[in-house]
PDB file of N, CA and C in Angstrom:
ATOM      1  N   UNK A   1       0.950  -1.191  -0.407  1.00  0.00           N
ATOM      2  CA  UNK A   1       0.089  -0.262   0.290  1.00  0.00           C
ATOM      3  C   UNK A   1       0.888   0.933   0.064  1.00  0.00           C
ATOM      4  N   UNK A   2       0.467   2.271  -0.663  1.00  0.00           N
ATOM      5  CA  UNK A   2       1.390   3.807  -1.074  1.00  0.00           C
ATOM      6  C   UNK A   2       1.226   3.990   0.211  1.00  0.00           C
ATOM      7  N   UNK A   3       2.149   5.269   0.383  1.00  0.00           N
ATOM      8  CA  UNK A   3       2.274   6.445   1.438  1.00  0.00           C
ATOM      9  C   UNK A   3       1.215   6.954   1.590  1.00  0.00           C
ATOM     10  N   UNK A   4       0.329   7.267   0.455  1.00  0.00           N
ATOM     11  CA  UNK A   4      -0.750   8.733  -0.213  1.00  0.00           C
ATOM     12  C   UNK A   4      -1.689   8.227   0.043  1.00  0.00           C
ATOM     13  N   UNK A   5      -1.945   6.383   0.344  1.00  0.00           N
ATOM     14  CA  UNK A   5      -3.209   6.078   0.196  1.00  0.00           C
ATOM     15  C   UNK A   5      -2.840   5.747   1.841  1.00  0.00           C
ATOM     16  N   UNK A   6      -2.277   5.132   2.729  1.00  0.00           N
ATOM     17  CA  UNK A   6      -2.178   5.006   3.770  1.00  0.00           C
ATOM     18  C   UNK A   6      -3.061   6.649   4.412  1.00  0.00           C
ATOM     19  N   UNK A   7      -2.166   7.384   4.186  1.00  0.00           N
ATOM     20  CA  UNK A   7      -2.551   9.072   4.528  1.00  0.00           C
ATOM     21  C   UNK A   7      -3.987   8.897   4.388  1.00  0.00           C
ATOM     22  N   UNK A   8      -4.562   8.704   3.133  1.00  0.00           N
ATOM     23  CA  UNK A   8      -5.915   9.404   3.032  1.00  0.00           C
ATOM     24  C   UNK A   8      -6.889   8.002   4.027  1.00  0.00           C
ATOM     25  N   UNK A   9      -6.205   6.993   4.219  1.00  0.00           N
ATOM     26  CA  UNK A   9      -7.105   6.164   5.127  1.00  0.00           C
ATOM     27  C   UNK A   9      -7.053   6.806   6.381  1.00  0.00           C
ATOM     28  N   UNK A  10      -5.612   6.978   7.057  1.00  0.00           N
ATOM     29  CA  UNK A  10      -5.625   7.713   7.952  1.00  0.00           C
ATOM     30  C   UNK A  10      -6.805   8.707   8.214  1.00  0.00           C
ATOM     31  N   UNK A  11      -6.773   9.455   7.083  1.00  0.00           N
ATOM     32  CA  UNK A  11      -7.256  10.778   7.269  1.00  0.00           C
ATOM     33  C   UNK A  11      -9.194  10.585   7.336  1.00  0.00           C
ATOM     34  N   UNK A  12      -9.378   9.221   6.765  1.00  0.00           N
ATOM     35  CA  UNK A  12     -11.076   9.045   6.993  1.00  0.00           C
ATOM     36  C   UNK A  12     -11.263   8.880   8.053  1.00  0.00           C
ATOM     37  N   UNK A  13     -10.045   7.819   8.814  1.00  0.00           N
ATOM     38  CA  UNK A  13     -10.509   7.117  10.057  1.00  0.00           C
ATOM     39  C   UNK A  13     -10.471   8.495  11.278  1.00  0.00           C
ATOM     40  N   UNK A  14      -9.843   9.340  11.343  1.00  0.00           N
ATOM     41  CA  UNK A  14      -9.541  10.821  12.256  1.00  0.00           C
ATOM     42  C   UNK A  14     -10.906  11.664  11.813  1.00  0.00           C
ATOM     43  N   UNK A  15     -11.517  11.434  10.768  1.00  0.00           N
ATOM     44  CA  UNK A  15     -12.819  12.060  10.469  1.00  0.00           C
ATOM     45  C   UNK A  15     -14.126  11.542  11.067  1.00  0.00           C
ATOM     46  N   UNK A  16     -13.622  10.391  11.112  1.00  0.00           N
ATOM     47  CA  UNK A  16     -15.399   9.304  11.618  1.00  0.00           C
ATOM     48  C   UNK A  16     -15.193  10.209  13.340  1.00  0.00           C
ATOM     49  N   UNK A  17     -13.973   9.301  13.774  1.00  0.00           N
ATOM     50  CA  UNK A  17     -13.696   9.828  15.137  1.00  0.00           C
ATOM     51  C   UNK A  17     -13.935  11.146  15.514  1.00  0.00           C
ATOM     52  N   UNK A  18     -13.294  12.338  14.995  1.00  0.00           N
ATOM     53  CA  UNK A  18     -13.816  13.475  14.953  1.00  0.00           C
ATOM     54  C   UNK A  18     -15.872  14.151  14.797  1.00  0.00           C
ATOM     55  N   UNK A  19     -15.980  13.469  13.834  1.00  0.00           N
ATOM     56  CA  UNK A  19     -17.284  13.363  13.993  1.00  0.00           C
ATOM     57  C   UNK A  19     -18.079  12.890  15.153  1.00  0.00           C
ATOM     58  N   UNK A  20     -17.459  11.518  15.211  1.00  0.00           N
ATOM     59  CA  UNK A  20     -18.498  10.522  16.710  1.00  0.00           C
ATOM     60  C   UNK A  20     -18.327  11.657  17.686  1.00  0.00           C
ATOM     61  N   UNK A  21     -17.395  12.454  18.135  1.00  0.00           N
ATOM     62  CA  UNK A  21     -17.578  13.055  19.296  1.00  0.00           C
ATOM     63  C   UNK A  21     -18.203  14.475  19.110  1.00  0.00           C
ATOM     64  N   UNK A  22     -19.338  14.524  17.977  1.00  0.00           N
ATOM     65  CA  UNK A  22     -20.052  15.665  17.965  1.00  0.00           C
ATOM     66  C   UNK A  22     -19.938  16.897  17.092  1.00  0.00           C
ATOM     67  N   UNK A  23     -18.293  16.644  16.446  1.00  0.00           N
ATOM     68  CA  UNK A  23     -18.169  17.909  16.439  1.00  0.00           C
ATOM     69  C   UNK A  23     -18.331  18.191  14.793  1.00  0.00           C
ATOM     70  N   UNK A  24     -18.629  19.558  14.229  1.00  0.00           N
ATOM     71  CA  UNK A  24     -18.946  19.979  12.627  1.00  0.00           C
ATOM     72  C   UNK A  24     -17.671  20.064  12.472  1.00  0.00           C
ATOM     73  N   UNK A  25     -17.464  19.079  11.215  1.00  0.00           N
ATOM     74  CA  UNK A  25     -16.293  18.841  10.039  1.00  0.00           C
ATOM     75  C   UNK A  25     -16.351  19.546   9.033  1.00  0.00           C
ATOM     76  N   UNK A  26     -15.693  20.770   8.756  1.00  0.00           N
ATOM     77  CA  UNK A  26     -15.967  21.417   7.893  1.00  0.00           C
ATOM     78  C   UNK A  26     -14.530  21.724   6.846  1.00  0.00           C
ATOM     79  N   UNK A  27     -14.323  21.555   5.224  1.00  0.00           N
ATOM     80  CA  UNK A  27     -13.088  21.572   4.569  1.00  0.00           C
ATOM     81  C   UNK A  27     -13.765  22.955   3.938  1.00  0.00           C
ATOM     82  N   UNK A  28     -12.964  23.764   4.124  1.00  0.00           N
ATOM     83  CA  UNK A  28     -12.938  24.971   3.265  1.00  0.00           C
ATOM     84  C   UNK A  28     -12.033  25.825   3.067  1.00  0.00           C
ATOM     85  N   UNK A  29     -12.063  26.525   2.024  1.00  0.00           N
ATOM     86  CA  UNK A  29     -11.042  27.361   1.231  1.00  0.00           C
ATOM     87  C   UNK A  29     -10.740  28.382   2.399  1.00  0.00           C
ATOM     88  N   UNK A  30      -9.409  28.495   3.206  1.00  0.00           N
ATOM     89  CA  UNK A  30      -9.160  29.585   4.225  1.00  0.00           C
ATOM     90  C   UNK A  30      -8.323  30.448   3.986  1.00  0.00           C
ATOM     91  N   UNK A  31      -7.957  30.934   2.573  1.00  0.00           N
ATOM     92  CA  UNK A  31      -7.805  31.775   2.255  1.00  0.00           C
ATOM     93  C   UNK A  31      -8.420  32.456   0.983  1.00  0.00           C
ATOM     94  N   UNK A  32      -8.576  33.856   0.854  1.00  0.00           N
ATOM     95  CA  UNK A  32      -9.581  34.640   0.026  1.00  0.00           C
ATOM     96  C   UNK A  32      -9.435  35.905   0.738  1.00  0.00           C
ATOM     97  N   UNK A  33      -9.232  36.827  -0.565  1.00  0.00           N
ATOM     98  CA  UNK A  33      -9.455  38.369  -0.031  1.00  0.00           C
ATOM     99  C   UNK A  33      -8.451  38.713   0.752  1.00  0.00           C
ATOM    100  N   UNK A  34      -6.979  37.746   0.393  1.00  0.00           N
ATOM    101  CA  UNK A  34      -5.795  38.544   0.859  1.00  0.00           C
ATOM    102  C   UNK A  34      -5.946  37.945   2.220  1.00  0.00           C
ATOM    103  N   UNK A  35      -6.931  37.333   2.906  1.00  0.00           N
ATOM    104  CA  UNK A  35      -6.648  36.987   4.259  1.00  0.00           C
ATOM    105  C   UNK A  35      -6.198  35.848   4.435  1.00  0.00           C
ATOM    106  N   UNK A  36      -5.527  35.091   5.231  1.00  0.00           N
ATOM    107  CA  UNK A  36      -5.261  34.020   5.650  1.00  0.00           C
ATOM    108  C   UNK A  36      -5.329  33.306   6.710  1.00  0.00           C
ATOM    109  N   UNK A  37      -6.547  32.577   6.738  1.00  0.00           N
ATOM    110  CA  UNK A  37      -7.234  32.130   7.929  1.00  0.00           C
ATOM    111  C   UNK A  37      -6.564  30.928   8.625  1.00  0.00           C
ATOM    112  N   UNK A  38      -6.908  30.566   9.338  1.00  0.00           N
ATOM    113  CA  UNK A  38      -5.953  29.434  10.336  1.00  0.00           C
ATOM    114  C   UNK A  38      -7.103  28.456  10.403  1.00  0.00           C
ATOM    115  N   UNK A  39      -6.436  27.036  10.274  1.00  0.00           N
ATOM    116  CA  UNK A  39      -7.108  25.961  10.259  1.00  0.00           C
ATOM    117  C   UNK A  39      -7.630  25.668  11.932  1.00  0.00           C
ATOM    118  N   UNK A  40      -8.585  25.487  12.303  1.00  0.00           N
ATOM    119  CA  UNK A  40      -8.945  24.916  14.086  1.00  0.00           C
ATOM    120  C   UNK A  40      -9.805  24.168  14.387  1.00  0.00           C
ATOM    121  N   UNK A  41     -10.242  24.263  15.633  1.00  0.00           N
ATOM    122  CA  UNK A  41     -10.837  23.964  16.701  1.00  0.00           C
ATOM    123  C   UNK A  41     -11.641  25.088  17.243  1.00  0.00           C
ATOM    124  N   UNK A  42     -12.745  25.589  17.139  1.00  0.00           N
ATOM    125  CA  UNK A  42     -13.779  26.636  17.431  1.00  0.00           C
ATOM    126  C   UNK A  42     -14.980  25.969  18.177  1.00  0.00           C
ATOM    127  N   UNK A  43     -15.493  27.030  18.800  1.00  0.00           N
ATOM    128  CA  UNK A  43     -16.669  26.862  19.621  1.00  0.00           C
ATOM    129  C   UNK A  43     -17.744  27.872  18.747  1.00  0.00           C
ATOM    130  N   UNK A  44     -19.046  27.107  18.322  1.00  0.00           N
ATOM    131  CA  UNK A  44     -19.702  28.747  17.931  1.00  0.00           C
ATOM    132  C   UNK A  44     -21.210  27.633  18.149  1.00  0.00           C
ATOM    133  N   UNK A  45     -22.179  29.042  18.614  1.00  0.00           N
ATOM    134  CA  UNK A  45     -23.832  28.553  19.339  1.00  0.00           C
ATOM    135  C   UNK A  45     -23.728  27.131  19.823  1.00  0.00           C
ATOM    136  N   UNK A  46     -23.120  26.547  20.854  1.00  0.00           N
ATOM    137  CA  UNK A  46     -23.521  25.644  21.343  1.00  0.00           C
ATOM    138  C   UNK A  46     -22.173  24.376  21.239  1.00  0.00           C
ATOM    139  N   UNK A  47     -21.670  24.457  20.274  1.00  0.00           N
ATOM    140  CA  UNK A  47     -21.078  23.154  19.518  1.00  0.00           C
ATOM    141  C   UNK A  47     -20.243  23.498  18.802  1.00  0.00           C
ATOM    142  N   UNK A  48     -18.812  22.400  18.720  1.00  0.00           N
ATOM    143  CA  UNK A  48     -17.357  22.523  18.369  1.00  0.00           C
ATOM    144  C   UNK A  48     -17.831  22.443  16.873  1.00  0.00           C
ATOM    145  N   UNK A  49     -16.684  23.272  16.437  1.00  0.00           N
ATOM    146  CA  UNK A  49     -16.696  22.817  15.039  1.00  0.00           C
ATOM    147  C   UNK A  49     -14.978  22.968  14.932  1.00  0.00           C
ATOM    148  N   UNK A  50     -14.850  22.195  13.333  1.00  0.00           N
ATOM    149  CA  UNK A  50     -12.930  22.112  13.482  1.00  0.00           C
ATOM    150  C   UNK A  50     -13.351  22.289  11.948  1.00  0.00           C
ATOM    151  N   UNK A  51     -12.301  23.511  11.473  1.00  0.00           N
ATOM    152  CA  UNK A  51     -12.059  24.243  10.191  1.00  0.00           C
ATOM    153  C   UNK A  51     -11.078  24.133   9.689  1.00  0.00           C
ATOM    154  N   UNK A  52     -10.975  22.837   8.607  1.00  0.00           N
ATOM    155  CA  UNK A  52      -9.896  22.470   7.538  1.00  0.00           C
ATOM    156  C   UNK A  52      -9.502  23.156   6.671  1.00  0.00           C
ATOM    157  N   UNK A  53      -8.400  23.909   6.728  1.00  0.00           N
ATOM    158  CA  UNK A  53      -7.961  24.020   5.032  1.00  0.00           C
ATOM    159  C   UNK A  53      -7.863  23.260   4.039  1.00  0.00           C
ATOM    160  N   UNK A  54      -8.943  22.933   3.163  1.00  0.00           N
ATOM    161  CA  UNK A  54      -9.020  22.073   2.130  1.00  0.00           C
ATOM    162  C   UNK A  54      -7.526  22.059   0.999  1.00  0.00           C
ATOM    163  N   UNK A  55      -6.786  23.010   1.096  1.00  0.00           N
ATOM    164  CA  UNK A  55      -6.106  23.200   0.374  1.00  0.00           C
ATOM    165  C   UNK A  55      -4.813  22.538   0.873  1.00  0.00           C
ATOM    166  N   UNK A  56      -4.618  22.331   1.719  1.00  0.00           N
ATOM    167  CA  UNK A  56      -3.364  21.696   2.667  1.00  0.00           C
ATOM    168  C   UNK A  56      -3.191  20.182   2.263  1.00  0.00           C
ATOM    169  N   UNK A  57      -1.943  20.166   2.502  1.00  0.00           N
ATOM    170  CA  UNK A  57      -1.660  18.600   2.087  1.00  0.00           C
ATOM    171  C   UNK A  57      -2.269  17.460   2.820  1.00  0.00           C
ATOM    172  N   UNK A  58      -2.561  16.087   2.257  1.00  0.00           N
ATOM    173  CA  UNK A  58      -2.786  15.523   3.326  1.00  0.00           C
ATOM    174  C   UNK A  58      -2.173  14.973   4.559  1.00  0.00           C
ATOM    175  N   UNK A  59      -1.209  15.138   4.536  1.00  0.00           N
ATOM    176  CA  UNK A  59      -0.209  15.124   5.640  1.00  0.00           C
ATOM    177  C   UNK A  59      -0.686  15.928   6.989  1.00  0.00           C
ATOM    178  N   UNK A  60      -0.499  17.334   6.614  1.00  0.00           N
ATOM    179  CA  UNK A  60      -1.100  18.090   7.532  1.00  0.00           C
ATOM    180  C   UNK A  60      -2.698  17.932   8.167  1.00  0.00           C
ATOM    181  N   UNK A  61      -3.239  17.369   7.029  1.00  0.00           N
ATOM    182  CA  UNK A  61      -4.777  17.432   7.896  1.00  0.00           C
ATOM    183  C   UNK A  61      -4.691  16.520   8.670  1.00  0.00           C
ATOM    184  N   UNK A  62      -4.266  15.197   8.693  1.00  0.00           N
ATOM    185  CA  UNK A  62      -3.849  14.330   9.673  1.00  0.00           C
ATOM    186  C   UNK A  62      -3.502  14.605  10.834  1.00  0.00           C
ATOM    187  N   UNK A  63      -2.132  15.720  10.586  1.00  0.00           N
ATOM    188  CA  UNK A  63      -1.729  16.518  12.147  1.00  0.00           C
ATOM    189  C   UNK A  63      -2.747  17.343  12.645  1.00  0.00           C
ATOM    190  N   UNK A  64      -3.782  17.922  11.484  1.00  0.00           N
ATOM    191  CA  UNK A  64      -4.612  18.969  12.555  1.00  0.00           C
ATOM    192  C   UNK A  64      -5.451  18.091  13.213  1.00  0.00           C
ATOM    193  N   UNK A  65      -6.165  17.218  12.943  1.00  0.00           N
ATOM    194  CA  UNK A  65      -7.241  16.285  13.037  1.00  0.00           C
ATOM    195  C   UNK A  65      -6.570  15.398  14.287  1.00  0.00           C
ATOM    196  N   UNK A  66      -5.272  14.922  14.300  1.00  0.00           N
ATOM    197  CA  UNK A  66      -5.043  14.337  15.500  1.00  0.00           C
ATOM    198  C   UNK A  66      -4.856  15.538  16.839  1.00  0.00           C
ATOM    199  N   UNK A  67      -4.514  16.481  16.158  1.00  0.00           N
ATOM    200  CA  UNK A  67      -4.383  17.788  17.667  1.00  0.00           C
ATOM    201  C   UNK A  67      -5.875  18.073  18.147  1.00  0.00           C
ATOM    202  N   UNK A  68      -6.824  18.275  17.319  1.00  0.00           N
ATOM    203  CA  UNK A  68      -8.082  18.466  17.627  1.00  0.00           C
ATOM    204  C   UNK A  68      -8.725  17.123  18.853  1.00  0.00           C
ATOM    205  N   UNK A  69      -8.031  16.055  17.870  1.00  0.00           N
ATOM    206  CA  UNK A  69      -8.646  15.115  18.930  1.00  0.00           C
ATOM    207  C   UNK A  69      -7.877  14.865  20.576  1.00  0.00           C
ATOM    208  N   UNK A  70      -6.971  15.681  20.447  1.00  0.00           N
ATOM    209  CA  UNK A  70      -6.044  15.738  21.795  1.00  0.00           C
ATOM    210  C   UNK A  70      -6.677  16.656  22.274  1.00  0.00           C
ATOM    211  N   UNK A  71      -7.307  18.086  21.781  1.00  0.00           N
ATOM    212  CA  UNK A  71      -7.781  19.130  22.595  1.00  0.00           C
ATOM    213  C   UNK A  71      -9.267  18.917  22.793  1.00  0.00           C
ATOM    214  N   UNK A  72      -9.817  17.905  22.410  1.00  0.00           N
ATOM    215  CA  UNK A  72     -11.615  17.823  22.560  1.00  0.00           C
ATOM    216  C   UNK A  72     -11.470  16.722  23.991  1.00  0.00           C
ATOM    217  N   UNK A  73     -10.196  15.990  24.001  1.00  0.00           N
ATOM    218  CA  UNK A  73     -10.004  15.315  25.318  1.00  0.00           C
ATOM    219  C   UNK A  73      -9.800  15.934  26.488  1.00  0.00           C
ATOM    220  N   UNK A  74      -9.631  17.416  26.543  1.00  0.00           N
ATOM    221  CA  UNK A  74      -9.195  17.824  27.827  1.00  0.00           C
ATOM    222  C   UNK A  74     -10.541  19.269  27.817  1.00  0.00           C
ATOM    223  N   UNK A  75     -11.043  19.423  26.793  1.00  0.00           N
ATOM    224  CA  UNK A  75     -11.932  20.411  26.696  1.00  0.00           C
ATOM    225  C   UNK A  75     -13.406  19.847  27.342  1.00  0.00           C
ATOM    226  N   UNK A  76     -14.467  20.775  27.552  1.00  0.00           N
ATOM    227  CA  UNK A  76     -15.330  19.875  28.404  1.00  0.00           C
ATOM    228  C   UNK A  76     -16.368  19.876  27.545  1.00  0.00           C
ATOM    229  N   UNK A  77     -17.635  18.738  27.813  1.00  0.00           N
ATOM    230  CA  UNK A  77     -18.595  18.251  26.854  1.00  0.00           C
ATOM    231  C   UNK A  77     -19.599  19.312  26.706  1.00  0.00           C
ATOM    232  N   UNK A  78     -19.755  19.513  25.551  1.00  0.00           N
ATOM    233  CA  UNK A  78     -20.514  20.569  24.991  1.00  0.00           C
ATOM    234  C   UNK A  78     -22.027  20.810  25.941  1.00  0.00           C
ATOM    235  N   UNK A  79     -22.460  19.894  26.430  1.00  0.00           N
ATOM    236  CA  UNK A  79     -23.935  19.673  26.828  1.00  0.00           C
ATOM    237  C   UNK A  79     -23.606  20.634  28.003  1.00  0.00           C
ATOM    238  N   UNK A  80     -22.175  20.848  28.540  1.00  0.00           N
ATOM    239  CA  UNK A  80     -22.211  21.227  29.878  1.00  0.00           C
ATOM    240  C   UNK A  80     -21.829  23.151  29.727  1.00  0.00           C
ATOM    241  N   UNK A  81     -21.829  23.372  28.982  1.00  0.00           N
ATOM    242  CA  UNK A  81     -22.404  24.849  28.577  1.00  0.00           C
ATOM    243  C   UNK A  81     -21.314  25.318  28.078  1.00  0.00           C
ATOM    244  N   UNK A  82     -20.928  26.640  27.317  1.00  0.00           N
ATOM    245  CA  UNK A  82     -19.862  26.978  26.395  1.00  0.00           C
ATOM    246  C   UNK A  82     -18.371  26.704  27.462  1.00  0.00           C
ATOM    247  N   UNK A  83     -17.615  26.418  26.556  1.00  0.00           N
ATOM    248  CA  UNK A  83     -15.976  26.331  26.866  1.00  0.00           C
ATOM    249  C   UNK A  83     -15.579  27.503  27.712  1.00  0.00           C
ATOM    250  N   UNK A  84     -15.436  28.477  27.271  1.00  0.00           N
ATOM    251  CA  UNK A  84     -15.037  29.471  28.158  1.00  0.00           C
ATOM    252  C   UNK A  84     -15.339  29.609  29.611  1.00  0.00           C
ATOM    253  N   UNK A  85     -16.247  29.171  30.184  1.00  0.00           N
ATOM    254  CA  UNK A  85     -16.712  29.226  31.480  1.00  0.00           C
ATOM    255  C   UNK A  85     -15.820  28.459  32.138  1.00  0.00           C
ATOM    256  N   UNK A  86     -15.347  27.164  31.631  1.00  0.00           N
ATOM    257  CA  UNK A  86     -14.440  25.980  32.308  1.00  0.00           C
ATOM    258  C   UNK A  86     -12.839  26.943  32.187  1.00  0.00           C
ATOM    259  N   UNK A  87     -13.027  28.039  31.572  1.00  0.00           N
ATOM    260  CA  UNK A  87     -11.301  28.176  31.473  1.00  0.00           C
ATOM    261  C   UNK A  87     -10.373  29.216  32.704  1.00  0.00           C
ATOM    262  N   UNK A  88      -9.813  28.417  33.018  1.00  0.00           N
ATOM    263  CA  UNK A  88      -9.223  29.419  34.207  1.00  0.00           C
ATOM    264  C   UNK A  88      -8.733  31.127  33.702  1.00  0.00           C
ATOM    265  N   UNK A  89      -8.774  32.147  34.746  1.00  0.00           N
ATOM    266  CA  UNK A  89      -8.817  32.880  34.353  1.00  0.00           C
ATOM    267  C   UNK A  89      -9.624  34.006  33.665  1.00  0.00           C
ATOM    268  N   UNK A  90     -10.603  33.528  33.099  1.00  0.00           N
ATOM    269  CA  UNK A  90     -11.523  34.093  32.313  1.00  0.00           C
ATOM    270  C   UNK A  90     -12.794  34.615  33.224  1.00  0.00           C
ATOM    271  N   UNK A  91     -12.756  33.895  34.529  1.00  0.00           N
ATOM    272  CA  UNK A  91     -13.831  34.710  34.999  1.00  0.00           C
ATOM    273  C   UNK A  91     -13.383  35.220  36.490  1.00  0.00           C
ATOM    274  N   UNK A  92     -11.880  35.579  36.319  1.00  0.00           N
ATOM    275  CA  UNK A  92     -11.238  35.932  37.424  1.00  0.00           C
ATOM    276  C   UNK A  92     -11.487  37.461  38.286  1.00  0.00           C
ATOM    277  N   UNK A  93     -11.873  37.956  37.363  1.00  0.00           N
ATOM    278  CA  UNK A  93     -12.495  39.396  37.565  1.00  0.00           C
ATOM    279  C   UNK A  93     -13.279  39.386  38.260  1.00  0.00           C
ATOM    280  N   UNK A  94     -14.450  38.949  37.893  1.00  0.00           N
ATOM    281  CA  UNK A  94     -15.949  38.896  38.406  1.00  0.00           C
ATOM    282  C   UNK A  94     -16.039  37.998  39.469  1.00  0.00           C
ATOM    283  N   UNK A  95     -15.113  36.916  40.055  1.00  0.00           N
ATOM    284  CA  UNK A  95     -14.921  36.215  41.085  1.00  0.00           C
ATOM    285  C   UNK A  95     -14.110  37.110  42.148  1.00  0.00           C
ATOM    286  N   UNK A  96     -12.981  37.671  42.141  1.00  0.00           N
ATOM    287  CA  UNK A  96     -12.392  38.730  42.698  1.00  0.00           C
ATOM    288  C   UNK A  96     -13.044  39.826  43.528  1.00  0.00           C
ATOM    289  N   UNK A  97     -13.744  40.599  42.413  1.00  0.00           N
ATOM    290  CA  UNK A  97     -14.788  41.235  42.855  1.00  0.00           C
ATOM    291  C   UNK A  97     -15.858  40.502  43.808  1.00  0.00           C
ATOM    292  N   UNK A  98     -16.303  39.424  43.821  1.00  0.00           N
ATOM    293  CA  UNK A  98     -17.404  39.108  44.244  1.00  0.00           C
ATOM    294  C   UNK A  98     -16.621  38.395  45.799  1.00  0.00           C
ATOM    295  N   UNK A  99     -15.529  38.304  46.110  1.00  0.00           N
ATOM    296  CA  UNK A  99     -15.056  37.999  46.626  1.00  0.00           C
ATOM    297  C   UNK A  99     -14.093  38.928  48.347  1.00  0.00           C
ATOM    298  N   UNK A 100     -14.100  39.901  47.548  1.00  0.00           N
ATOM    299  CA  UNK A 100     -14.104  41.604  47.949  1.00  0.00           C
ATOM    300  C   UNK A 100     -14.843  41.473  48.530  1.00  0.00           C
ATOM    301  N   UNK A 101     -16.055  41.906  48.060  1.00  0.00           N
ATOM    302  CA  UNK A 101     -17.716  42.053  48.611  1.00  0.00           C
ATOM    303  C   UNK A 101     -17.901  41.279  49.357  1.00  0.00           C
ATOM    304  N   UNK A 102     -17.722  40.014  49.754  1.00  0.00           N
ATOM    305  CA  UNK A 102     -18.387  39.106  50.857  1.00  0.00           C
ATOM    306  C   UNK A 102     -17.274  39.754  52.117  1.00  0.00           C
ATOM    307  N   UNK A 103     -16.038  39.961  51.637  1.00  0.00           N
ATOM    308  CA  UNK A 103     -15.028  40.136  52.718  1.00  0.00           C
ATOM    309  C   UNK A 103     -15.380  41.166  53.457  1.00  0.00           C
ATOM    310  N   UNK A 104     -16.229  41.878  52.985  1.00  0.00           N
ATOM    311  CA  UNK A 104     -16.415  43.339  53.824  1.00  0.00           C
ATOM    312  C   UNK A 104     -15.676  44.776  53.130  1.00  0.00           C
ATOM    313  N   UNK A 105     -14.967  44.670  52.218  1.00  0.00           N
ATOM    314  CA  UNK A 105     -14.125  45.037  51.447  1.00  0.00           C
ATOM    315  C   UNK A 105     -14.886  46.144  50.449  1.00  0.00           C
ATOM    316  N   UNK A 106     -14.608  47.926  50.708  1.00  0.00           N
ATOM    317  CA  UNK A 106     -15.661  49.010  50.035  1.00  0.00           C
ATOM    318  C   UNK A 106     -15.258  48.629  48.197  1.00  0.00           C
ATOM    319  N   UNK A 107     -16.219  48.322  47.761  1.00  0.00           N
ATOM    320  CA  UNK A 107     -16.020  47.980  46.230  1.00  0.00           C
ATOM    321  C   UNK A 107     -15.945  49.354  45.866  1.00  0.00           C
ATOM    322  N   UNK A 108     -15.452  49.620  44.426  1.00  0.00           N
ATOM    323  CA  UNK A 108     -14.609  50.567  43.673  1.00  0.00           C
ATOM    324  C   UNK A 108     -15.790  51.588  43.314  1.00  0.00           C
ATOM    325  N   UNK A 109     -15.188  52.929  43.004  1.00  0.00           N
ATOM    326  CA  UNK A 109     -16.299  53.910  43.561  1.00  0.00           C
ATOM    327  C   UNK A 109     -17.416  53.606  41.700  1.00  0.00           C
ATOM    328  N   UNK A 110     -18.363  54.394  41.980  1.00  0.00           N
ATOM    329  CA  UNK A 110     -18.988  53.995  40.834  1.00  0.00           C
ATOM    330  C   UNK A 110     -19.863  52.571  40.629  1.00  0.00           C
ATOM    331  N   UNK A 111     -19.240  51.859  41.617  1.00  0.00           N
ATOM    332  CA  UNK A 111     -19.927  50.331  41.432  1.00  0.00           C
ATOM    333  C   UNK A 111     -21.081  50.083  42.077  1.00  0.00           C
ATOM    334  N   UNK A 112     -22.072  49.474  41.603  1.00  0.00           N
ATOM    335  CA  UNK A 112     -23.046  49.219  42.168  1.00  0.00           C
ATOM    336  C   UNK A 112     -22.807  48.432  43.383  1.00  0.00           C
ATOM    337  N   UNK A 113     -23.649  48.550  44.687  1.00  0.00           N
ATOM    338  CA  UNK A 113     -23.456  47.597  45.726  1.00  0.00           C
ATOM    339  C   UNK A 113     -23.817  46.124  45.133  1.00  0.00           C
ATOM    340  N   UNK A 114     -23.197  45.200  45.946  1.00  0.00           N
ATOM    341  CA  UNK A 114     -23.885  43.582  45.575  1.00  0.00           C
ATOM    342  C   UNK A 114     -24.719  43.341  46.368  1.00  0.00           C
ATOM    343  N   UNK A 115     -25.089  42.821  45.619  1.00  0.00           N
ATOM    344  CA  UNK A 115     -26.970  41.966  46.092  1.00  0.00           C
ATOM    345  C   UNK A 115     -26.354  40.616  47.011  1.00  0.00           C
ATOM    346  N   UNK A 116     -27.094  40.362  47.799  1.00  0.00           N
ATOM    347  CA  UNK A 116     -26.697  39.406  48.734  1.00  0.00           C
ATOM    348  C   UNK A 116     -28.239  38.589  48.872  1.00  0.00           C
ATOM    349  N   UNK A 117     -28.329  37.342  48.136  1.00  0.00           N
ATOM    350  CA  UNK A 117     -29.292  36.625  48.228  1.00  0.00           C
ATOM    351  C   UNK A 117     -29.630  35.938  49.934  1.00  0.00           C
ATOM    352  N   UNK A 118     -30.895  35.866  50.086  1.00  0.00           N
ATOM    353  CA  UNK A 118     -31.213  35.321  51.426  1.00  0.00           C
ATOM    354  C   UNK A 118     -30.923  34.224  51.540  1.00  0.00           C
ATOM    355  N   UNK A 119     -30.426  33.441  52.503  1.00  0.00           N
ATOM    356  CA  UNK A 119     -30.226  32.288  52.979  1.00  0.00           C
ATOM    357  C   UNK A 119     -31.217  31.258  53.341  1.00  0.00           C
TER     358      UNK A 119
END
């Protein structure tokens, strides 16, 4: 079996695995009007999408799909909500403000007082 055929078979196997994880896989021309967009995994409207530049060689596409599968293994399940809600640092500013308000420190000027829920 030729290397090209093995590469195409591996690509088809990875495509099935990616789709099996609920990811919408799209092969697109990612270079147009002087823009060069990057292939990769993204989150949009409650699901993961993997955009792959269809002009890339099979070996590059295989590498991209393998990397996407590694990323999916550590990303939260889409049914749990948007992934940025789980990323460290995204909501740190809001958490810091809440902790300061609860500790009795004064809120910054112009900030509305924190509402406390009745327990």
